[in-house]
């Protein structure tokens, strides 16, 4: 469960509602598993940690947390989530190389597309360093080379063209286009507000990625 509030006072009111509901329905929150994050505003420094409690017990402040598998940082940058995906990709890729090295190229390509091209929540990466994305791209290329038994320094664009497989940037573009279309087609009032603001930095970033 996630609570969002623009102010500390608003968050305390939301927590009070949760406390009342839990008391009325015989529920109990595990405060040890509860955390809160203060998202930083551009140009402002937030050094103090507000005192937030649930059922009289203090809630721990963290600088990042994982929600539905996606890592969200207090500075709203995506480098930590890109690193999460790089590690997951390394595990999946090494598993494929070890277990299926004797299979045909057709089987290997099918497995690669199924296990190594998902880039979970990759369409949401809009604020990150170039280095973070480059490291993930290199990991993706190397796994393909190892799985197909290709030379270490062969051309990435050439090998993907030869095997008719999407390269890293092609996948990111397709995921971004899919996100844009889903936001535009959504009937959710919040998403419609986002979709209508074509001058926002978010839309500009997404459009640049597709182009």
Protein backbone atom coordinates (compact mmCIF):
# COMPACT_ATOMS: atom_id res chain seq x y z
CA UNK A 1 0.00 0.00 0.00
CA UNK A 2 1.34 3.44 -0.96
CA UNK A 3 0.33 6.85 0.40
CA UNK A 4 1.30 10.04 -1.44
CA UNK A 5 1.06 13.55 -0.02
CA UNK A 6 2.57 16.95 -0.92
CA UNK A 7 3.02 17.82 2.78
CA UNK A 8 4.02 16.11 6.01
CA UNK A 9 0.73 17.13 7.61
CA UNK A 10 -1.23 15.57 4.78
CA UNK A 11 0.69 12.31 5.14
CA UNK A 12 -0.05 12.21 8.88
CA UNK A 13 -3.75 12.67 8.16
CA UNK A 14 -3.68 9.77 5.68
CA UNK A 15 -1.92 7.56 8.21
CA UNK A 16 -4.53 8.49 10.82
CA UNK A 17 -7.25 7.30 8.43
CA UNK A 18 -5.38 4.02 8.01
CA UNK A 19 -5.09 3.62 11.78
CA UNK A 20 -8.84 4.13 12.26
CA UNK A 21 -9.72 1.73 9.46
CA UNK A 22 -7.39 -0.95 10.84
CA UNK A 23 -8.83 -0.57 14.33
CA UNK A 24 -12.41 -0.84 13.06
CA UNK A 25 -11.73 -3.95 10.98
CA UNK A 26 -9.38 -5.84 13.27
CA UNK A 27 -6.28 -5.32 11.13
CA UNK A 28 -2.70 -4.61 12.16
CA UNK A 29 0.13 -2.90 10.29
CA UNK A 30 3.68 -4.21 10.54
CA UNK A 31 5.47 -0.94 11.26
CA UNK A 32 8.88 -2.61 10.87
CA UNK A 33 8.13 -3.08 7.17
CA UNK A 34 6.83 0.46 6.69
CA UNK A 35 9.09 3.10 5.13
CA UNK A 36 8.76 6.64 3.85
CA UNK A 37 10.68 8.74 1.35
CA UNK A 38 10.87 12.50 0.89
CA UNK A 39 11.13 13.31 -2.81
CA UNK A 40 13.42 16.25 -3.40
CA UNK A 41 12.19 19.33 -5.27
CA UNK A 42 14.54 20.89 -7.86
CA UNK A 43 16.67 23.59 -6.29
CA UNK A 44 15.68 22.73 -2.72
CA UNK A 45 17.62 20.82 -0.09
CA UNK A 46 15.77 18.60 2.37
CA UNK A 47 18.15 17.75 5.21
CA UNK A 48 15.67 17.24 8.05
CA UNK A 49 13.72 14.01 8.49
CA UNK A 50 10.12 14.62 9.57
CA UNK A 51 8.88 12.47 12.43
CA UNK A 52 6.31 10.09 10.96
CA UNK A 53 4.54 7.49 13.09
CA UNK A 54 2.04 4.68 12.64
CA UNK A 55 0.21 3.39 15.70
CA UNK A 56 2.60 5.39 17.87
CA UNK A 57 5.73 3.81 16.36
CA UNK A 58 8.26 5.68 14.27
CA UNK A 59 8.50 4.87 10.55
CA UNK A 60 11.99 4.60 9.03
CA UNK A 61 13.05 7.00 6.29
CA UNK A 62 14.82 5.52 3.24
CA UNK A 63 16.43 7.14 0.19
CA UNK A 64 14.99 4.53 -2.22
CA UNK A 65 12.47 1.71 -2.20
CA UNK A 66 11.08 -0.94 -4.52
CA UNK A 67 7.44 -0.79 -5.57
CA UNK A 68 5.99 -3.46 -7.89
CA UNK A 69 9.56 -4.40 -8.78
CA UNK A 70 10.58 -0.87 -9.77
CA UNK A 71 13.21 0.98 -7.71
CA UNK A 72 12.14 4.56 -6.87
CA UNK A 73 14.77 6.95 -5.49
CA UNK A 74 14.19 10.13 -3.50
CA UNK A 75 15.94 12.20 -6.21
CA UNK A 76 13.57 10.62 -8.81
CA UNK A 77 16.50 9.44 -10.93
CA UNK A 78 16.38 6.05 -12.63
CA UNK A 79 19.99 4.89 -12.31
CA UNK A 80 19.20 2.54 -9.40
CA UNK A 81 16.38 0.87 -11.32
CA UNK A 82 18.54 0.51 -14.43
CA UNK A 83 21.17 -1.21 -12.28
CA UNK A 84 18.46 -3.53 -10.89
CA UNK A 85 17.52 -4.51 -14.44
CA UNK A 86 21.18 -4.98 -15.43
CA UNK A 87 21.73 -7.44 -12.58
CA UNK A 88 18.54 -9.31 -13.40
CA UNK A 89 19.55 -9.46 -17.07
CA UNK A 90 22.98 -10.83 -16.14
CA UNK A 91 21.39 -13.63 -14.10
CA UNK A 92 18.94 -14.59 -16.85
CA UNK A 93 21.56 -14.36 -19.58
CA UNK A 94 24.11 -16.50 -17.76
CA UNK A 95 21.42 -19.10 -17.10
CA UNK A 96 20.62 -19.30 -20.82
CA UNK A 97 24.27 -19.58 -21.81
CA UNK A 98 24.91 -22.41 -19.32
CA UNK A 99 21.80 -24.50 -19.89
CA UNK A 100 21.15 -24.14 -23.60
CA UNK A 101 24.58 -23.92 -25.23
CA UNK A 102 23.92 -27.13 -27.22
CA UNK A 103 20.59 -25.95 -28.65
CA UNK A 104 20.03 -24.73 -32.20
CA UNK A 105 20.30 -21.06 -33.12
CA UNK A 106 16.53 -20.89 -33.58
CA UNK A 107 15.93 -22.10 -30.02
CA UNK A 108 18.56 -19.74 -28.63
CA UNK A 109 17.04 -16.74 -30.41
CA UNK A 110 13.58 -17.61 -29.10
CA UNK A 111 14.90 -17.92 -25.55
CA UNK A 112 16.87 -14.68 -25.86
CA UNK A 113 13.80 -12.74 -26.98
CA UNK A 114 11.71 -14.25 -24.19
CA UNK A 115 14.17 -13.77 -21.32
CA UNK A 116 16.41 -10.83 -22.27
CA UNK A 117 14.22 -8.27 -24.04
CA UNK A 118 11.63 -7.44 -21.41
CA UNK A 119 13.51 -4.54 -19.71
CA UNK A 120 10.83 -4.30 -17.05
CA UNK A 121 9.56 -0.68 -16.64
CA UNK A 122 12.24 0.47 -19.10
CA UNK A 123 9.78 2.85 -20.77
CA UNK A 124 9.70 4.85 -17.50
CA UNK A 125 13.43 5.65 -17.52
CA UNK A 126 13.54 9.37 -18.23
CA UNK A 127 16.15 10.79 -15.81
CA UNK A 128 19.45 8.92 -15.68
CA UNK A 129 23.09 9.14 -16.67
CA UNK A 130 24.26 7.99 -20.08
CA UNK A 131 26.70 5.67 -18.35
CA UNK A 132 23.94 3.70 -16.62
CA UNK A 133 22.14 2.99 -19.88
CA UNK A 134 25.40 2.20 -21.70
CA UNK A 135 26.32 -0.43 -19.11
CA UNK A 136 22.94 -2.12 -19.56
CA UNK A 137 23.27 -1.97 -23.35
CA UNK A 138 26.74 -3.55 -23.24
CA UNK A 139 25.43 -6.30 -20.93
CA UNK A 140 22.61 -7.00 -23.42
CA UNK A 141 25.01 -7.16 -26.38
CA UNK A 142 27.50 -9.42 -24.59
CA UNK A 143 24.83 -11.92 -23.56
CA UNK A 144 23.71 -12.20 -27.19
CA UNK A 145 27.30 -12.79 -28.31
CA UNK A 146 27.92 -15.47 -25.68
CA UNK A 147 24.63 -17.25 -26.34
CA UNK A 148 25.23 -17.40 -30.11
CA UNK A 149 28.97 -18.05 -29.79
CA UNK A 150 29.95 -14.87 -31.63
CA UNK A 151 33.34 -13.09 -31.40
CA UNK A 152 33.60 -10.74 -28.43
CA UNK A 153 34.28 -7.61 -30.47
CA UNK A 154 31.97 -8.21 -33.44
CA UNK A 155 29.69 -5.37 -34.51
CA UNK A 156 26.55 -5.17 -32.38
CA UNK A 157 24.41 -3.60 -35.10
CA UNK A 158 25.68 -6.15 -37.63
CA UNK A 159 24.94 -9.20 -35.48
CA UNK A 160 21.41 -8.08 -34.63
CA UNK A 161 20.71 -7.36 -38.29
CA UNK A 162 22.07 -10.75 -39.33
CA UNK A 163 19.88 -12.61 -36.84
CA UNK A 164 16.87 -10.31 -37.37
CA UNK A 165 16.71 -9.43 -33.68
CA UNK A 166 16.03 -6.04 -32.12
CA UNK A 167 19.01 -4.20 -30.69
CA UNK A 168 18.91 -2.43 -27.34
CA UNK A 169 17.83 0.99 -28.59
CA UNK A 170 15.15 -0.51 -30.85
CA UNK A 171 13.57 -2.23 -27.84
CA UNK A 172 13.61 0.98 -25.78
CA UNK A 173 11.98 2.90 -28.64
CA UNK A 174 9.23 0.29 -29.03
CA UNK A 175 8.55 0.25 -25.28
CA UNK A 176 8.37 4.05 -25.26
CA UNK A 177 5.92 4.14 -28.17
CA UNK A 178 3.77 1.57 -26.38
CA UNK A 179 3.76 3.70 -23.22
CA UNK A 180 2.81 6.85 -25.14
CA UNK A 181 -0.07 5.09 -26.88
CA UNK A 182 -1.40 3.59 -23.64
CA UNK A 183 -1.29 6.95 -21.84
CA UNK A 184 -3.06 8.70 -24.73
CA UNK A 185 -5.76 6.01 -24.92
CA UNK A 186 -6.36 5.84 -21.18
CA UNK A 187 -9.63 7.08 -19.66
CA UNK A 188 -7.97 7.70 -16.29
CA UNK A 189 -8.31 11.40 -15.38
CA UNK A 190 -4.72 11.70 -14.10
CA UNK A 191 -3.22 10.05 -17.18
CA UNK A 192 -5.40 12.20 -19.44
CA UNK A 193 -3.98 15.29 -17.72
CA UNK A 194 -0.46 14.03 -18.39
CA UNK A 195 -1.31 13.19 -22.02
CA UNK A 196 -2.76 16.66 -22.66
CA UNK A 197 0.35 18.49 -21.39
CA UNK A 198 2.44 18.11 -24.55
CA UNK A 199 4.90 20.81 -23.42
CA UNK A 200 5.98 18.93 -20.27
CA UNK A 201 9.58 17.77 -19.89
CA UNK A 202 8.30 14.19 -19.61
CA UNK A 203 6.69 14.21 -23.05
CA UNK A 204 9.68 15.93 -24.60
CA UNK A 205 11.97 13.24 -23.20
CA UNK A 206 9.74 10.41 -24.47
CA UNK A 207 9.41 11.93 -27.94
CA UNK A 208 13.17 12.48 -28.22
CA UNK A 209 13.75 8.84 -27.34
CA UNK A 210 11.41 7.65 -30.08
CA UNK A 211 12.89 9.96 -32.70
